[in-house]
C-alpha atoms as a PDB file:
ATOM      1  CA  MET A   1      49.717 -14.203  -0.456  1.00  0.00           C
ATOM      2  CA  THR A   2      45.953 -14.869  -0.790  1.00  0.00           C
ATOM      3  CA  THR A   3      44.479 -17.518   1.763  1.00  0.00           C
ATOM      4  CA  LEU A   4      41.119 -19.015   0.946  1.00  0.00           C
ATOM      5  CA  THR A   5      39.078 -20.270   3.962  1.00  0.00           C
ATOM      6  CA  THR A   6      35.827 -21.978   3.939  1.00  0.00           C
ATOM      7  CA  THR A   7      33.698 -22.898   6.722  1.00  0.00           C
ATOM      8  CA  GLY A   8      32.224 -26.056   5.169  1.00  0.00           C
ATOM      9  CA  LEU A   9      28.604 -24.964   5.784  1.00  0.00           C
ATOM     10  CA  GLY A  10      28.167 -23.587   2.370  1.00  0.00           C
ATOM     11  CA  THR A  11      25.519 -20.891   1.611  1.00  0.00           C
ATOM     12  CA  THR A  12      22.037 -21.155   3.141  1.00  0.00           C
ATOM     13  CA  GLU A  13      20.733 -22.520  -0.153  1.00  0.00           C
ATOM     14  CA  ASP A  14      23.187 -25.222   0.023  1.00  0.00           C
ATOM     15  CA  ARG A  15      22.112 -25.888   3.737  1.00  0.00           C
ATOM     16  CA  LEU A  16      18.447 -26.011   2.649  1.00  0.00           C
ATOM     17  CA  ARG A  17      19.124 -28.337  -0.144  1.00  0.00           C
ATOM     18  CA  THR A  18      21.033 -30.637   2.449  1.00  0.00           C
ATOM     19  CA  VAL A  19      17.889 -30.670   4.868  1.00  0.00           C
ATOM     20  CA  LEU A  20      15.540 -31.395   1.915  1.00  0.00           C
ATOM     21  CA  ARG A  21      17.702 -34.353   0.715  1.00  0.00           C
ATOM     22  CA  ALA A  22      17.888 -35.629   4.370  1.00  0.00           C
ATOM     23  CA  ASP A  23      14.146 -35.198   4.556  1.00  0.00           C
ATOM     24  CA  ALA A  24      13.963 -37.215   1.398  1.00  0.00           C
ATOM     25  CA  GLY A  25      16.098 -40.090   2.782  1.00  0.00           C
ATOM     26  CA  VAL A  26      14.020 -40.270   6.037  1.00  0.00           C
ATOM     27  CA  THR A  27      10.827 -40.090   4.055  1.00  0.00           C
ATOM     28  CA  ALA A  28      11.760 -42.595   1.736  1.00  0.00           C
ATOM     29  CA  VAL A  29      12.678 -45.008   4.637  1.00  0.00           C
ATOM     30  CA  ALA A  30       9.359 -44.479   6.087  1.00  0.00           C
ATOM     31  CA  GLY A  31       7.638 -45.199   2.737  1.00  0.00           C
ATOM     32  CA  LEU A  32       9.612 -48.380   2.568  1.00  0.00           C
ATOM     33  CA  PHE A  33       8.474 -49.684   5.949  1.00  0.00           C
ATOM     34  CA  ALA A  34       4.952 -48.572   5.293  1.00  0.00           C
ATOM     35  CA  LEU A  35       5.066 -50.328   1.983  1.00  0.00           C
ATOM     36  CA  LEU A  36       7.064 -53.530   3.136  1.00  0.00           C
ATOM     37  CA  GLY A  37       6.785 -53.793   6.809  1.00  0.00           C
ATOM     38  CA  PRO A  38       4.235 -55.884   8.750  1.00  0.00           C
ATOM     39  CA  THR A  39       0.695 -54.598   8.638  1.00  0.00           C
ATOM     40  CA  SER A  40       0.299 -55.763  12.107  1.00  0.00           C
ATOM     41  CA  THR A  41       2.341 -52.740  13.350  1.00  0.00           C
ATOM     42  CA  TYR A  42      -0.753 -50.455  12.604  1.00  0.00           C
ATOM     43  CA  GLY A  43      -3.217 -52.563  14.444  1.00  0.00           C
ATOM     44  CA  ASP A  44      -6.796 -53.129  12.894  1.00  0.00           C
ATOM     45  CA  ALA A  45      -6.186 -50.714  10.048  1.00  0.00           C
ATOM     46  CA  PRO A  46      -6.923 -52.208   6.586  1.00  0.00           C
ATOM     47  CA  GLY A  47      -3.734 -53.934   4.965  1.00  0.00           C
ATOM     48  CA  TRP A  48      -4.107 -51.593   2.155  1.00  0.00           C
ATOM     49  CA  LEU A  49      -3.817 -48.313   4.116  1.00  0.00           C
ATOM     50  CA  PRO A  50      -0.120 -48.649   5.176  1.00  0.00           C
ATOM     51  CA  ARG A  51       0.736 -49.822   1.584  1.00  0.00           C
ATOM     52  CA  VAL A  52      -0.911 -46.580   0.103  1.00  0.00           C
ATOM     53  CA  VAL A  53       0.875 -44.453   2.641  1.00  0.00           C
ATOM     54  CA  GLY A  54       4.124 -46.051   1.870  1.00  0.00           C
ATOM     55  CA  VAL A  55       3.617 -45.113  -1.973  1.00  0.00           C
ATOM     56  CA  VAL A  56       2.849 -41.755  -1.194  1.00  0.00           C
ATOM     57  CA  LEU A  57       5.819 -41.311   0.975  1.00  0.00           C
ATOM     58  CA  LEU A  58       8.040 -42.680  -1.475  1.00  0.00           C
ATOM     59  CA  ALA A  59       6.583 -40.091  -4.092  1.00  0.00           C
ATOM     60  CA  VAL A  60       7.099 -37.386  -1.853  1.00  0.00           C
ATOM     61  CA  ALA A  61      10.617 -38.519  -1.150  1.00  0.00           C
ATOM     62  CA  VAL A  62      11.481 -38.513  -4.787  1.00  0.00           C
ATOM     63  CA  ASP A  63       9.910 -35.027  -5.285  1.00  0.00           C
ATOM     64  CA  LEU A  64      11.996 -33.700  -2.322  1.00  0.00           C
ATOM     65  CA  VAL A  65      15.292 -34.844  -4.164  1.00  0.00           C
ATOM     66  CA  LEU A  66      14.088 -33.178  -7.278  1.00  0.00           C
ATOM     67  CA  VAL A  67      13.145 -29.901  -5.733  1.00  0.00           C
ATOM     68  CA  ALA A  68      16.527 -29.767  -3.907  1.00  0.00           C
ATOM     69  CA  ARG A  69      18.116 -29.032  -7.195  1.00  0.00           C
ATOM     70  CA  LEU A  70      16.150 -25.685  -7.555  1.00  0.00           C
ATOM     71  CA  THR A  71      17.496 -22.165  -6.923  1.00  0.00           C
ATOM     72  CA  GLY A  72      16.536 -18.797  -5.659  1.00  0.00           C
ATOM     73  CA  ALA A  73      12.732 -18.119  -5.397  1.00  0.00           C
ATOM     74  CA  ARG A  74      11.822 -21.683  -6.581  1.00  0.00           C
ATOM     75  CA  LEU A  75      13.898 -23.208  -3.691  1.00  0.00           C
ATOM     76  CA  ARG A  76      12.386 -20.887  -1.226  1.00  0.00           C
ATOM     77  CA  LEU A  77       8.803 -22.018  -2.235  1.00  0.00           C
ATOM     78  CA  ALA A  78       9.966 -25.660  -2.307  1.00  0.00           C
ATOM     79  CA  GLY A  79      11.299 -25.464   1.122  1.00  0.00           C
ATOM     80  CA  THR A  80       7.978 -23.586   2.306  1.00  0.00           C
ATOM     81  CA  VAL A  81       6.014 -26.410   0.676  1.00  0.00           C
ATOM     82  CA  ALA A  82       8.193 -29.204   2.137  1.00  0.00           C
ATOM     83  CA  ALA A  83       7.838 -27.447   5.677  1.00  0.00           C
ATOM     84  CA  ASP A  84       4.118 -27.206   5.083  1.00  0.00           C
ATOM     85  CA  LEU A  85       3.802 -30.926   4.278  1.00  0.00           C
ATOM     86  CA  ALA A  86       5.909 -32.035   7.308  1.00  0.00           C
ATOM     87  CA  ILE A  87       3.623 -29.873   9.502  1.00  0.00           C
ATOM     88  CA  GLY A  88       0.631 -31.559   8.153  1.00  0.00           C
ATOM     89  CA  TRP A  89       2.507 -34.911   8.718  1.00  0.00           C
ATOM     90  CA  VAL A  90       3.008 -34.217  12.377  1.00  0.00           C
ATOM     91  CA  VAL A  91      -0.702 -33.002  12.906  1.00  0.00           C
ATOM     92  CA  ALA A  92      -1.919 -36.289  11.368  1.00  0.00           C
ATOM     93  CA  THR A  93       0.488 -38.188  13.268  1.00  0.00           C
ATOM     94  CA  VAL A  94      -0.702 -36.584  16.563  1.00  0.00           C
ATOM     95  CA  ALA A  95      -4.410 -37.335  15.458  1.00  0.00           C
ATOM     96  CA  VAL A  96      -3.576 -40.969  14.607  1.00  0.00           C
ATOM     97  CA  LEU A  97      -1.795 -41.401  17.924  1.00  0.00           C
ATOM     98  CA  ALA A  98      -4.578 -39.658  20.059  1.00  0.00           C
ATOM     99  CA  LEU A  99      -7.523 -41.552  18.264  1.00  0.00           C
ATOM    100  CA  VAL A 100      -6.296 -44.862  17.118  1.00  0.00           C
ATOM    101  CA  ASP A 101      -5.622 -47.734  19.470  1.00  0.00           C
ATOM    102  CA  LEU A 102      -2.321 -48.923  17.995  1.00  0.00           C
ATOM    103  CA  PRO A 103       0.098 -51.636  19.160  1.00  0.00           C
ATOM    104  CA  PHE A 104       3.217 -50.488  21.068  1.00  0.00           C
ATOM    105  CA  ALA A 105       5.345 -51.046  17.934  1.00  0.00           C
ATOM    106  CA  GLY A 106       2.989 -48.879  15.676  1.00  0.00           C
ATOM    107  CA  ARG A 107       3.048 -45.939  18.352  1.00  0.00           C
ATOM    108  CA  GLU A 108       6.862 -46.165  18.558  1.00  0.00           C
ATOM    109  CA  VAL A 109       7.291 -46.056  14.817  1.00  0.00           C
ATOM    110  CA  LEU A 110       4.737 -43.202  14.337  1.00  0.00           C
ATOM    111  CA  SER A 111       6.157 -41.289  17.455  1.00  0.00           C
ATOM    112  CA  VAL A 112       9.825 -41.433  16.012  1.00  0.00           C
ATOM    113  CA  MET A 113       8.751 -40.469  12.540  1.00  0.00           C
ATOM    114  CA  GLY A 114       6.651 -37.653  13.824  1.00  0.00           C
ATOM    115  CA  LEU A 115       9.655 -36.335  15.829  1.00  0.00           C
ATOM    116  CA  ALA A 116      11.987 -36.491  12.848  1.00  0.00           C
ATOM    117  CA  THR A 117       9.386 -34.703  10.906  1.00  0.00           C
ATOM    118  CA  VAL A 118       8.925 -31.844  13.040  1.00  0.00           C
ATOM    119  CA  GLY A 119      12.629 -31.403  13.088  1.00  0.00           C
ATOM    120  CA  PHE A 120      12.584 -31.089   9.333  1.00  0.00           C
ATOM    121  CA  ALA A 121       9.692 -28.847   9.505  1.00  0.00           C
ATOM    122  CA  ILE A 122      11.542 -26.263  11.627  1.00  0.00           C
ATOM    123  CA  ALA A 123      14.812 -26.577   9.996  1.00  0.00           C
ATOM    124  CA  GLU A 124      13.346 -26.065   6.586  1.00  0.00           C
ATOM    125  CA  LEU A 125      11.226 -23.153   7.828  1.00  0.00           C
ATOM    126  CA  ARG A 126      14.127 -21.431   9.459  1.00  0.00           C
ATOM    127  CA  LEU A 127      16.314 -21.947   6.325  1.00  0.00           C
ATOM    128  CA  VAL A 128      13.634 -20.444   4.165  1.00  0.00           C
ATOM    129  CA  ARG A 129      13.133 -17.461   6.410  1.00  0.00           C
ATOM    130  CA  SER A 130      17.052 -16.791   6.240  1.00  0.00           C
ATOM    131  CA  LEU A 131      16.645 -17.011   2.478  1.00  0.00           C
ATOM    132  CA  ALA A 132      13.953 -14.505   2.426  1.00  0.00           C
ATOM    133  CA  ALA A 133      15.662 -12.127   4.649  1.00  0.00           C
ATOM    134  CA  ALA A 134      18.678 -12.169   2.386  1.00  0.00           C
ATOM    135  CA  VAL A 135      16.720 -11.086  -0.456  1.00  0.00           C
END
């Protein structure tokens, strides 16, 4: 008798796709908040700035969903690019928090998003390295 056992975790590619999709979901929520939320959250920044950032984040979220469908070397490249974008976002967030006088709500929003984004960057990089090591 043959028994089939599964761990429920899937392959490393599946895990990377899951992280990319989760990253897309969080990025979309951040984009919607920037697009539709109160501009007072961002202090004296011009009202158009968070709206533009919101549109860009929504575009990135759509792109992350699409690249999560790739396989092999293309998926590894997409994971690397997503991680690089996340690191860039974190660096920009730290710069804004350090240089811009934001209201408390704005600091909280940016801090939470920065922490989530650094988590995605680390997860994506680790999974990409695991995929590269398996080749």
